[in-house]
Structures are given as structure tokens and as C-alpha cells.
N, C-alpha and C. Protein backbone atom coordinates (compact mmCIF):
# COMPACT_ATOMS: atom_id res chain seq x y z
N UNK A 1 59.49 51.20 5.59
CA UNK A 1 59.40 50.13 6.57
C UNK A 1 59.65 48.53 5.78
N UNK A 2 59.87 47.88 6.04
CA UNK A 2 60.37 46.28 5.45
C UNK A 2 59.38 45.40 6.70
N UNK A 3 58.68 44.54 6.67
CA UNK A 3 58.03 43.86 7.03
C UNK A 3 58.33 42.30 6.26
N UNK A 4 57.60 40.93 7.75
CA UNK A 4 57.52 39.99 7.26
C UNK A 4 55.73 39.67 8.44
N UNK A 5 54.86 39.85 7.74
CA UNK A 5 52.91 39.47 8.08
C UNK A 5 52.59 38.51 8.34
N UNK A 6 52.07 37.83 9.09
CA UNK A 6 51.62 36.66 8.40
C UNK A 6 50.20 36.97 9.05
N UNK A 7 49.58 36.97 8.01
CA UNK A 7 48.35 36.96 7.91
C UNK A 7 47.09 36.32 8.61
N UNK A 8 46.05 36.44 9.44
CA UNK A 8 44.75 35.14 9.93
C UNK A 8 44.56 33.99 8.91
N UNK A 9 44.45 33.99 7.93
CA UNK A 9 43.81 32.79 7.36
C UNK A 9 45.67 32.46 6.30
N UNK A 10 46.54 32.61 6.64
CA UNK A 10 47.64 32.32 6.42
C UNK A 10 48.69 32.37 6.15
N UNK A 11 48.33 33.10 4.86
CA UNK A 11 49.09 34.21 3.75
C UNK A 11 50.22 34.72 4.39
N UNK A 12 51.11 34.65 3.89
CA UNK A 12 52.78 35.48 3.87
C UNK A 12 53.21 36.30 3.49
N UNK A 13 53.79 37.66 3.88
CA UNK A 13 53.82 38.45 3.03
C UNK A 13 54.95 39.15 3.55
N UNK A 14 55.85 39.15 2.84
CA UNK A 14 57.21 39.72 2.81
C UNK A 14 57.59 40.63 2.18
N UNK A 15 57.76 42.06 2.82
CA UNK A 15 58.20 43.37 1.36
C UNK A 15 57.86 45.10 2.31
N UNK A 16 57.81 45.47 1.76
CA UNK A 16 57.79 47.23 2.38
C UNK A 16 56.34 46.83 2.79
N UNK A 17 56.01 47.87 3.68
CA UNK A 17 54.53 48.25 4.29
C UNK A 17 54.47 49.37 4.94
N UNK A 18 53.20 49.60 4.77
CA UNK A 18 52.89 51.50 5.46
C UNK A 18 51.28 50.17 6.36
N UNK A 19 51.83 51.74 7.41
CA UNK A 19 50.82 51.24 8.86
C UNK A 19 50.11 50.05 8.85
N UNK A 20 51.31 48.89 8.99
CA UNK A 20 51.04 47.52 9.05
C UNK A 20 50.14 46.19 7.68
N UNK A 21 49.64 47.08 6.58
CA UNK A 21 49.39 47.09 5.25
C UNK A 21 50.63 46.68 4.50
N UNK A 22 51.10 45.63 3.10
CA UNK A 22 51.85 45.78 2.10
C UNK A 22 51.95 47.17 1.24
N UNK A 23 52.58 47.52 0.59
CA UNK A 23 53.10 48.71 0.09
C UNK A 23 53.80 49.32 -0.47
N UNK A 24 54.21 49.25 -1.57
CA UNK A 24 55.53 48.84 -2.51
C UNK A 24 55.77 47.93 -2.99
N UNK A 25 57.38 47.37 -2.30
CA UNK A 25 57.35 46.44 -3.26
C UNK A 25 57.26 45.92 -2.48
N UNK A 26 57.04 44.08 -2.96
CA UNK A 26 56.97 43.25 -1.35
C UNK A 26 56.27 41.16 -2.34
N UNK A 27 56.25 40.65 -1.93
CA UNK A 27 56.02 39.40 -1.99
C UNK A 27 54.80 38.56 -1.24
N UNK A 28 53.89 38.14 -1.82
CA UNK A 28 53.00 38.12 -0.53
C UNK A 28 52.76 35.71 -1.06
N UNK A 29 52.83 35.39 0.53
CA UNK A 29 52.48 33.83 -0.44
C UNK A 29 51.35 33.01 0.16
N UNK A 30 49.96 32.51 -0.46
CA UNK A 30 48.86 31.82 0.01
C UNK A 30 48.70 30.70 0.34
N UNK A 31 48.05 30.49 0.94
CA UNK A 31 48.11 28.67 2.39
C UNK A 31 48.05 27.73 0.75
N UNK A 32 47.81 27.90 -0.11
CA UNK A 32 47.51 27.14 -1.09
C UNK A 32 48.57 27.63 -2.82
N UNK A 33 49.25 27.86 -2.46
CA UNK A 33 50.65 28.17 -3.25
C UNK A 33 50.76 29.37 -4.18
N UNK A 34 49.36 30.40 -3.66
CA UNK A 34 49.44 31.27 -5.03
C UNK A 34 50.85 31.90 -4.21
N UNK A 35 50.97 32.67 -5.62
CA UNK A 35 51.94 33.63 -5.30
C UNK A 35 52.29 34.75 -5.83
N UNK A 36 51.91 36.70 -5.76
CA UNK A 36 52.01 37.51 -5.68
C UNK A 36 53.26 38.82 -6.23
N UNK A 37 53.63 38.79 -6.59
CA UNK A 37 55.08 39.63 -6.37
C UNK A 37 55.36 40.38 -7.83
N UNK A 38 55.05 42.05 -6.28
CA UNK A 38 54.94 42.52 -7.12
C UNK A 38 54.58 44.28 -6.57
N UNK A 39 54.51 44.81 -7.13
CA UNK A 39 53.61 46.02 -6.57
C UNK A 39 52.46 46.62 -5.85
N UNK A 40 52.20 47.23 -4.60
CA UNK A 40 51.82 46.95 -3.88
C UNK A 40 51.41 48.97 -3.24
N UNK A 41 49.71 48.89 -2.68
CA UNK A 41 49.40 49.63 -2.42
C UNK A 41 48.03 49.72 -1.88
N UNK A 42 48.24 50.22 -0.41
CA UNK A 42 47.30 49.45 0.95
C UNK A 42 46.70 48.30 1.08
N UNK A 43 47.64 47.61 0.19
CA UNK A 43 47.58 46.28 0.41
C UNK A 43 46.95 45.60 -0.13
N UNK A 44 46.61 46.32 -1.95
CA UNK A 44 45.87 45.50 -2.81
C UNK A 44 47.48 45.43 -3.93
N UNK A 45 46.76 44.38 -4.85
CA UNK A 45 47.62 45.13 -6.39
C UNK A 45 47.85 45.73 -6.60
N UNK A 46 48.86 46.71 -6.85
CA UNK A 46 48.78 47.86 -7.72
C UNK A 46 50.17 48.67 -8.34
N UNK A 47 49.79 48.52 -9.57
CA UNK A 47 51.25 48.41 -10.66
C UNK A 47 51.52 47.21 -11.67
N UNK A 48 52.72 47.46 -11.19
CA UNK A 48 53.52 45.50 -11.67
C UNK A 48 53.43 44.37 -11.01
N UNK A 49 52.95 43.83 -11.96
CA UNK A 49 53.14 42.57 -10.68
C UNK A 49 53.20 41.48 -11.92
N UNK A 50 53.87 40.14 -10.71
CA UNK A 50 53.60 38.71 -11.42
C UNK A 50 52.63 37.73 -10.34
N UNK A 51 51.40 37.35 -11.41
CA UNK A 51 50.78 36.20 -10.43
C UNK A 51 50.26 34.66 -11.12
N UNK A 52 51.06 33.88 -9.45
CA UNK A 52 51.07 32.52 -10.68
C UNK A 52 50.29 31.56 -9.62
N UNK A 53 49.09 30.95 -9.91
CA UNK A 53 48.03 30.16 -8.87
C UNK A 53 48.84 29.09 -8.81
N UNK A 54 48.58 28.07 -7.44
CA UNK A 54 49.26 27.30 -6.93
C UNK A 54 48.11 25.91 -7.50
N UNK A 55 48.58 25.13 -7.47
CA UNK A 55 48.66 24.09 -7.36
C UNK A 55 47.46 23.52 -6.68
N UNK A 56 47.24 23.59 -6.30
CA UNK A 56 45.44 23.41 -4.58
C UNK A 56 44.66 24.13 -4.85
N UNK A 57 44.76 25.31 -5.84
CA UNK A 57 43.24 26.20 -6.80
C UNK A 57 43.10 25.94 -7.94
N UNK A 58 42.10 26.19 -7.79
CA UNK A 58 40.80 25.81 -9.59
C UNK A 58 41.96 26.60 -10.53
N UNK A 59 42.75 27.73 -10.17
CA UNK A 59 42.98 28.53 -11.90
C UNK A 59 44.87 27.95 -10.96
N UNK A 60 45.15 26.66 -11.11
CA UNK A 60 46.23 26.23 -11.57
C UNK A 60 46.63 26.00 -12.69
N UNK A 61 48.04 26.98 -12.43
CA UNK A 61 48.78 26.13 -14.05
C UNK A 61 48.49 28.05 -14.87
N UNK A 62 47.49 28.68 -13.82
CA UNK A 62 47.82 29.97 -14.79
C UNK A 62 48.03 30.56 -13.78
N UNK A 63 49.42 31.94 -15.06
CA UNK A 63 49.91 32.84 -14.74
C UNK A 63 49.49 34.35 -15.89
N UNK A 64 49.85 35.11 -14.26
CA UNK A 64 49.97 36.99 -15.58
C UNK A 64 51.29 37.57 -14.76
N UNK A 65 51.25 38.20 -15.60
CA UNK A 65 52.62 39.62 -15.81
C UNK A 65 51.99 40.67 -16.16
N UNK A 66 52.15 41.26 -15.52
CA UNK A 66 50.77 42.98 -16.13
C UNK A 66 51.24 43.73 -14.95
N UNK A 67 49.59 45.03 -15.45
CA UNK A 67 49.60 45.90 -15.04
C UNK A 67 48.68 45.31 -13.22
N UNK A 68 48.51 45.85 -12.49
CA UNK A 68 47.13 45.79 -12.13
C UNK A 68 45.95 47.08 -11.54
N UNK A 69 45.03 46.44 -11.02
CA UNK A 69 44.86 47.86 -10.26
C UNK A 69 43.77 47.73 -9.76
N UNK A 70 43.66 47.87 -7.71
CA UNK A 70 42.71 47.70 -6.63
C UNK A 70 42.78 46.15 -6.67
N UNK A 71 43.79 45.48 -7.39
CA UNK A 71 43.89 43.72 -7.21
C UNK A 71 43.17 43.35 -8.10
N UNK A 72 43.17 43.46 -9.35
CA UNK A 72 42.53 43.10 -10.86
C UNK A 72 43.42 43.54 -11.79
N UNK A 73 43.53 42.41 -12.26
CA UNK A 73 44.73 42.47 -14.18
C UNK A 73 43.85 44.04 -14.30
N UNK A 74 44.56 44.70 -14.60
CA UNK A 74 43.86 45.92 -15.33
C UNK A 74 44.59 46.79 -16.02
N UNK A 75 45.58 46.76 -17.64
CA UNK A 75 46.08 47.26 -18.35
C UNK A 75 46.38 46.55 -19.45
N UNK A 76 48.06 46.73 -19.39
CA UNK A 76 48.95 45.62 -20.54
C UNK A 76 49.22 44.98 -19.75
N UNK A 77 49.20 43.82 -20.31
CA UNK A 77 50.24 42.10 -19.38
C UNK A 77 49.70 41.18 -20.28
N UNK A 78 50.35 39.69 -19.40
CA UNK A 78 50.47 39.05 -20.38
C UNK A 78 49.71 36.91 -19.04
N UNK A 79 49.27 36.28 -20.19
CA UNK A 79 48.34 35.75 -19.03
C UNK A 79 48.92 33.52 -19.47
N UNK A 80 49.64 33.62 -19.51
CA UNK A 80 49.95 31.85 -19.46
C UNK A 80 49.02 31.31 -19.02
N UNK A 81 48.73 29.90 -19.36
CA UNK A 81 47.50 29.07 -18.51
C UNK A 81 48.13 27.77 -18.40
N UNK A 82 47.23 27.51 -18.16
CA UNK A 82 47.91 25.35 -17.92
C UNK A 82 48.31 24.85 -19.55
N UNK A 83 47.16 25.12 -20.48
CA UNK A 83 46.83 24.29 -21.41
C UNK A 83 48.06 24.54 -22.46
N UNK A 84 49.48 26.01 -22.02
CA UNK A 84 49.94 26.44 -22.70
C UNK A 84 49.37 27.54 -23.51
N UNK A 85 48.46 27.99 -23.53
CA UNK A 85 47.75 28.86 -24.08
C UNK A 85 48.31 29.70 -23.30
N UNK A 86 48.13 31.62 -24.84
CA UNK A 86 48.87 32.03 -24.05
C UNK A 86 48.22 33.77 -24.58
N UNK A 87 47.85 34.53 -23.93
CA UNK A 87 46.86 35.77 -24.10
C UNK A 87 48.24 36.95 -24.11
N UNK A 88 48.35 38.45 -24.40
CA UNK A 88 48.98 39.33 -24.52
C UNK A 88 48.05 40.74 -24.81
N UNK A 89 47.79 41.30 -23.70
CA UNK A 89 47.52 42.68 -24.91
C UNK A 89 46.89 43.27 -23.44
N UNK A 90 45.46 43.33 -23.98
CA UNK A 90 44.93 44.76 -23.21
C UNK A 90 44.38 43.75 -21.89
N UNK A 91 44.64 43.98 -20.55
CA UNK A 91 43.11 44.06 -20.24
C UNK A 91 42.31 45.10 -18.41
N UNK A 92 41.09 44.42 -18.30
CA UNK A 92 40.37 45.14 -18.01
C UNK A 92 39.98 44.09 -16.52
N UNK A 93 39.93 45.12 -15.37
CA UNK A 93 39.04 43.68 -14.22
C UNK A 93 39.04 42.60 -14.48
N UNK A 94 40.45 42.14 -14.62
CA UNK A 94 40.15 40.76 -14.54
C UNK A 94 40.20 39.52 -15.88
N UNK A 95 39.50 40.90 -17.29
CA UNK A 95 39.11 39.93 -18.06
C UNK A 95 39.92 40.46 -19.72
N UNK A 96 40.10 40.23 -21.05
CA UNK A 96 41.19 40.08 -21.67
C UNK A 96 39.18 41.21 -22.24
N UNK A 97 40.42 42.78 -22.49
CA UNK A 97 39.45 43.03 -22.77
C UNK A 97 39.72 44.62 -23.65
N UNK A 98 39.49 44.41 -25.17
CA UNK A 98 40.37 45.70 -26.03
C UNK A 98 41.43 44.88 -26.65
N UNK A 99 42.80 45.39 -26.80
CA UNK A 99 43.48 45.13 -28.09
C UNK A 99 44.10 43.88 -27.28
N UNK A 100 44.30 42.76 -28.21
CA UNK A 100 45.17 41.62 -27.69
C UNK A 100 44.48 40.50 -28.74
N UNK A 101 46.25 39.52 -28.36
CA UNK A 101 47.22 38.52 -28.87
C UNK A 101 46.23 36.79 -28.10
N UNK A 102 45.73 35.93 -28.51
CA UNK A 102 45.66 35.09 -28.30
C UNK A 102 46.83 34.15 -29.10
N UNK A 103 47.26 33.35 -28.02
CA UNK A 103 47.97 31.79 -29.39
C UNK A 103 47.36 30.46 -28.50
N UNK A 104 46.93 29.76 -29.55
CA UNK A 104 46.32 27.99 -28.85
C UNK A 104 48.17 27.74 -29.12
N UNK A 105 48.09 25.87 -27.81
CA UNK A 105 49.24 25.39 -28.52
C UNK A 105 49.02 25.00 -28.85
N UNK A 106 47.80 24.92 -29.69
CA UNK A 106 48.44 23.87 -31.26
C UNK A 106 48.44 24.23 -32.45
N UNK A 107 48.60 26.51 -31.98
CA UNK A 107 49.44 26.77 -33.35
C UNK A 107 48.51 27.84 -33.55
N UNK A 108 47.03 27.73 -33.30
CA UNK A 108 45.99 28.97 -34.42
C UNK A 108 46.06 30.44 -33.02
N UNK A 109 45.92 31.46 -33.92
CA UNK A 109 46.02 32.39 -32.98
C UNK A 109 45.05 32.81 -33.66
N UNK A 110 43.65 34.44 -32.79
CA UNK A 110 42.98 35.09 -32.77
C UNK A 110 44.25 36.45 -31.99
N UNK A 111 44.06 37.56 -33.10
CA UNK A 111 44.38 38.67 -32.76
C UNK A 111 43.45 39.56 -33.43
N UNK A 112 42.72 40.36 -32.25
CA UNK A 112 41.73 41.40 -32.46
C UNK A 112 41.42 42.30 -31.59
N UNK A 113 40.43 42.62 -31.05
CA UNK A 113 39.38 43.32 -30.28
C UNK A 113 38.85 42.04 -29.29
N UNK A 114 38.87 42.42 -28.14
CA UNK A 114 38.32 40.91 -26.47
C UNK A 114 37.73 41.78 -26.72
N UNK A 115 36.76 41.51 -25.79
CA UNK A 115 35.40 42.49 -24.89
C UNK A 115 35.68 41.74 -24.09
N UNK A 116 35.06 41.62 -22.19
CA UNK A 116 35.04 40.53 -21.40
C UNK A 116 35.09 39.10 -21.68
N UNK A 117 36.46 39.53 -22.33
CA UNK A 117 37.52 37.93 -22.22
C UNK A 117 36.68 37.28 -23.70
N UNK A 118 35.60 37.55 -24.09
CA UNK A 118 35.45 36.90 -25.78
C UNK A 118 36.63 37.72 -26.99
N UNK A 119 37.06 36.81 -27.35
CA UNK A 119 37.10 37.54 -29.02
C UNK A 119 36.14 37.97 -30.34
N UNK A 120 36.28 39.19 -30.20
CA UNK A 120 35.54 40.27 -30.58
C UNK A 120 35.60 40.18 -32.38
N UNK A 121 37.12 40.29 -32.27
CA UNK A 121 36.94 40.22 -34.27
C UNK A 121 37.86 41.02 -33.98
N UNK A 122 38.42 41.65 -35.60
CA UNK A 122 39.82 42.95 -35.30
C UNK A 122 38.47 44.24 -35.15
């Protein structure tokens, strides 16, 4: 079933639902401009999606596209920062973790293993 839902905290959702929760394909827009579009399971981001933080948030300019699990960036994905740095590779629970490549705006590249968001070398 497709629905439009406005949540108490001001977010607006449009897409597939089950039991009154986002479930399937949909898009949610939060009060401060953050937008998630992709797959939901039981109200959480699960599957493939794109998350872009709004200008009024501490993470303004950050965008992630890839896999989600239980509302977290988890699996393969690509993150782009306001600084124009880009990371592409493995994520676990919102952290760069596993194989990945960070390309910095100044042209530097770190490619190899990452652990909890920190470059760990080859």
C-alpha cells in the first residue's frame, strides 16, 4: 500500500507501507532538510538507498549512497563530503570498515583497509 505519512516530529514520508510504517520503496524528508530515498523494512532504512543531510544539520553536505542495515550505512557504499572528499568501499554500522578508497579533494588517495573509520593501511 502506498501512503503519505506526517510524523509527530515533522518528518514526511511518501511510499510503500505496512502496518502504518515505511516498508518497501519510499522517501522521507526530515524537518532540517535531510532526505532518505530507498528501501525500508519495518520503518528503518534497509537495502539500497541514498541519504543526503540537510543544510541545517551538523552533517550538512554529507551524502551516502549504498547499502543500509537497520537504519545504518552497512555494506558497500559511497560517501561524499561537503569538503568534496569521497570514500567508496565497505561500511559497518556507519563507519568505513573493510576495504575502501578515500580520494581527497587535494588529490591524495588512501586505499586499503579501514577500521572504525580510520585508515589502517594495506
